[in-house]
Structure formats: C-alpha cells, structure tokens
Amino acid sequence: MDKKHLFSRLEKWPLIKFDHASIVQDGDHGTFNAKISLYAFDVNENKAKLFIRDVSPGTDLVAMVDLYNNWIKEFTKTTKPK
C-alpha cells in the first residue's frame, strides 16, 4: 500500500486518531498457519485498529513499521484541527 492509499483509508475514520502502526501475529510463531499483518492503532490502542496489509515472509519488519509510522504521523499533522 502506498502513502496515498493509506491516507485515503485513514480519512474514512475521522473520529479515530490513529497514531502508530504495529505488527500483529495470528497463530503460533514459526508454524505454517502463522499470519503476520500490519495494523494502525488509535491512541488508546484498545479501542480501534485498522488493518493495513498482510506481511510476506522475509519482509524487513522494522523498516516497514518505521515507514508506516512516519506516514501516520504525517497524516496526523495534516489533519489537525486549526
């Protein structure tokens, strides 16, 4: 997902203040059924999470999370009330 697509997804939820991205792993680590996904979380983290994308094996998770965190911060700065 590119930055423009992420921004359009975040814009659909104007009352939720997404502030960071994080990896979520379903299933047991190292098993065939394990699935890794990236989500955007709101400030409270327990109230809302928005699916961003599935993560393929071999992806540099740290770099990917950093990239999406930067994009979310940029989005937040551009949508602050004036």
C-alpha atoms as a PDB file:
ATOM      1  CA  MET A   1       0.000   0.000   0.000  1.00  0.00           C
ATOM      2  CA  ASP A   2       1.365   3.392  -0.913  1.00  0.00           C
ATOM      3  CA  LYS A   3       1.081   6.546   1.201  1.00  0.00           C
ATOM      4  CA  LYS A   4      -1.835   7.987  -0.773  1.00  0.00           C
ATOM      5  CA  HIS A   5      -3.867   4.808  -0.323  1.00  0.00           C
ATOM      6  CA  LEU A   6      -3.081   4.709   3.410  1.00  0.00           C
ATOM      7  CA  PHE A   7      -4.183   8.346   3.793  1.00  0.00           C
ATOM      8  CA  SER A   8      -7.465   7.628   1.996  1.00  0.00           C
ATOM      9  CA  ARG A   9      -8.138   4.697   4.343  1.00  0.00           C
ATOM     10  CA  LEU A  10      -7.340   6.764   7.445  1.00  0.00           C
ATOM     11  CA  GLU A  11      -9.599   9.584   6.215  1.00  0.00           C
ATOM     12  CA  LYS A  12     -12.578   7.225   6.305  1.00  0.00           C
ATOM     13  CA  TRP A  13     -12.361   7.195  10.113  1.00  0.00           C
ATOM     14  CA  PRO A  14     -12.191  10.904  11.084  1.00  0.00           C
ATOM     15  CA  LEU A  15     -13.220  10.343  14.718  1.00  0.00           C
ATOM     16  CA  ILE A  16     -10.443   7.813  15.345  1.00  0.00           C
ATOM     17  CA  LYS A  17      -6.999   9.260  15.942  1.00  0.00           C
ATOM     18  CA  PHE A  18      -4.643   6.605  14.608  1.00  0.00           C
ATOM     19  CA  ASP A  19      -1.176   7.288  15.959  1.00  0.00           C
ATOM     20  CA  HIS A  20       1.025   4.291  15.184  1.00  0.00           C
ATOM     21  CA  ALA A  21       1.409   1.088  13.212  1.00  0.00           C
ATOM     22  CA  SER A  22       2.273  -2.261  14.717  1.00  0.00           C
ATOM     23  CA  ILE A  23       2.670  -5.883  13.719  1.00  0.00           C
ATOM     24  CA  VAL A  24       0.024  -8.387  14.797  1.00  0.00           C
ATOM     25  CA  GLN A  25       0.734 -12.082  14.547  1.00  0.00           C
ATOM     26  CA  ASP A  26      -2.075 -14.625  14.428  1.00  0.00           C
ATOM     27  CA  GLY A  27      -1.277 -18.250  15.165  1.00  0.00           C
ATOM     28  CA  ASP A  28       1.871 -19.760  16.594  1.00  0.00           C
ATOM     29  CA  HIS A  29       5.174 -18.214  15.547  1.00  0.00           C
ATOM     30  CA  GLY A  30       7.046 -20.461  13.144  1.00  0.00           C
ATOM     31  CA  THR A  31       4.063 -22.593  12.217  1.00  0.00           C
ATOM     32  CA  PHE A  32       2.586 -22.983   8.779  1.00  0.00           C
ATOM     33  CA  ASN A  33      -0.605 -21.229   9.852  1.00  0.00           C
ATOM     34  CA  ALA A  34       1.109 -18.184  11.371  1.00  0.00           C
ATOM     35  CA  LYS A  35      -0.004 -14.962   9.705  1.00  0.00           C
ATOM     36  CA  ILE A  36       1.653 -11.594  10.173  1.00  0.00           C
ATOM     37  CA  SER A  37      -0.292  -8.407   9.480  1.00  0.00           C
ATOM     38  CA  LEU A  38       0.261  -4.693   9.911  1.00  0.00           C
ATOM     39  CA  TYR A  39      -2.384  -2.574  11.647  1.00  0.00           C
ATOM     40  CA  ALA A  40      -2.805   1.094  12.527  1.00  0.00           C
ATOM     41  CA  PHE A  41      -3.814   1.660  16.150  1.00  0.00           C
ATOM     42  CA  ASP A  42      -5.509   4.581  17.808  1.00  0.00           C
ATOM     43  CA  VAL A  43      -4.043   6.498  20.739  1.00  0.00           C
ATOM     44  CA  ASN A  44      -5.650   4.151  23.260  1.00  0.00           C
ATOM     45  CA  GLU A  45      -4.693   1.021  21.280  1.00  0.00           C
ATOM     46  CA  ASN A  46      -7.553  -0.960  22.855  1.00  0.00           C
ATOM     47  CA  LYS A  47     -10.372   0.879  21.137  1.00  0.00           C
ATOM     48  CA  ALA A  48      -9.608   0.583  17.436  1.00  0.00           C
ATOM     49  CA  LYS A  49      -7.253  -0.983  14.973  1.00  0.00           C
ATOM     50  CA  LEU A  50      -7.314  -0.690  11.213  1.00  0.00           C
ATOM     51  CA  PHE A  51      -5.951  -3.449   9.009  1.00  0.00           C
ATOM     52  CA  ILE A  52      -3.298  -2.092   6.666  1.00  0.00           C
ATOM     53  CA  ARG A  53      -1.803  -5.154   4.975  1.00  0.00           C
ATOM     54  CA  ASP A  54      -0.586  -8.711   5.291  1.00  0.00           C
ATOM     55  CA  VAL A  55       3.172  -9.091   5.564  1.00  0.00           C
ATOM     56  CA  SER A  56       5.037 -11.563   3.374  1.00  0.00           C
ATOM     57  CA  PRO A  57       7.808 -13.727   4.781  1.00  0.00           C
ATOM     58  CA  GLY A  58      11.229 -12.135   4.527  1.00  0.00           C
ATOM     59  CA  THR A  59       9.919  -8.578   4.848  1.00  0.00           C
ATOM     60  CA  ASP A  60      12.073  -6.213   6.910  1.00  0.00           C
ATOM     61  CA  LEU A  61       9.510  -5.653   9.662  1.00  0.00           C
ATOM     62  CA  VAL A  62      11.383  -2.847  11.416  1.00  0.00           C
ATOM     63  CA  ALA A  63      11.775  -0.817   8.218  1.00  0.00           C
ATOM     64  CA  MET A  64       8.150  -1.403   7.220  1.00  0.00           C
ATOM     65  CA  VAL A  65       6.772  -0.379  10.633  1.00  0.00           C
ATOM     66  CA  ASP A  66       9.009   2.716  10.651  1.00  0.00           C
ATOM     67  CA  LEU A  67       7.764   3.715   7.196  1.00  0.00           C
ATOM     68  CA  TYR A  68       4.099   3.374   8.130  1.00  0.00           C
ATOM     69  CA  ASN A  69       4.633   5.122  11.484  1.00  0.00           C
ATOM     70  CA  ASN A  70       6.152   8.072   9.624  1.00  0.00           C
ATOM     71  CA  TRP A  71       3.237   8.157   7.194  1.00  0.00           C
ATOM     72  CA  ILE A  72       0.696   8.023  10.043  1.00  0.00           C
ATOM     73  CA  LYS A  73       2.491  10.890  11.819  1.00  0.00           C
ATOM     74  CA  GLU A  74       2.461  12.876   8.573  1.00  0.00           C
ATOM     75  CA  PHE A  75      -1.252  12.188   8.131  1.00  0.00           C
ATOM     76  CA  THR A  76      -1.954  13.289  11.701  1.00  0.00           C
ATOM     77  CA  LYS A  77      -0.096  16.579  11.185  1.00  0.00           C
ATOM     78  CA  THR A  78      -2.068  17.342   8.032  1.00  0.00           C
ATOM     79  CA  THR A  79      -5.455  16.655   9.638  1.00  0.00           C
ATOM     80  CA  LYS A  80      -5.092  18.505  12.966  1.00  0.00           C
ATOM     81  CA  PRO A  81      -7.922  20.948  13.648  1.00  0.00           C
ATOM     82  CA  LYS A  82      -6.947  24.574  13.142  1.00  0.00           C
END
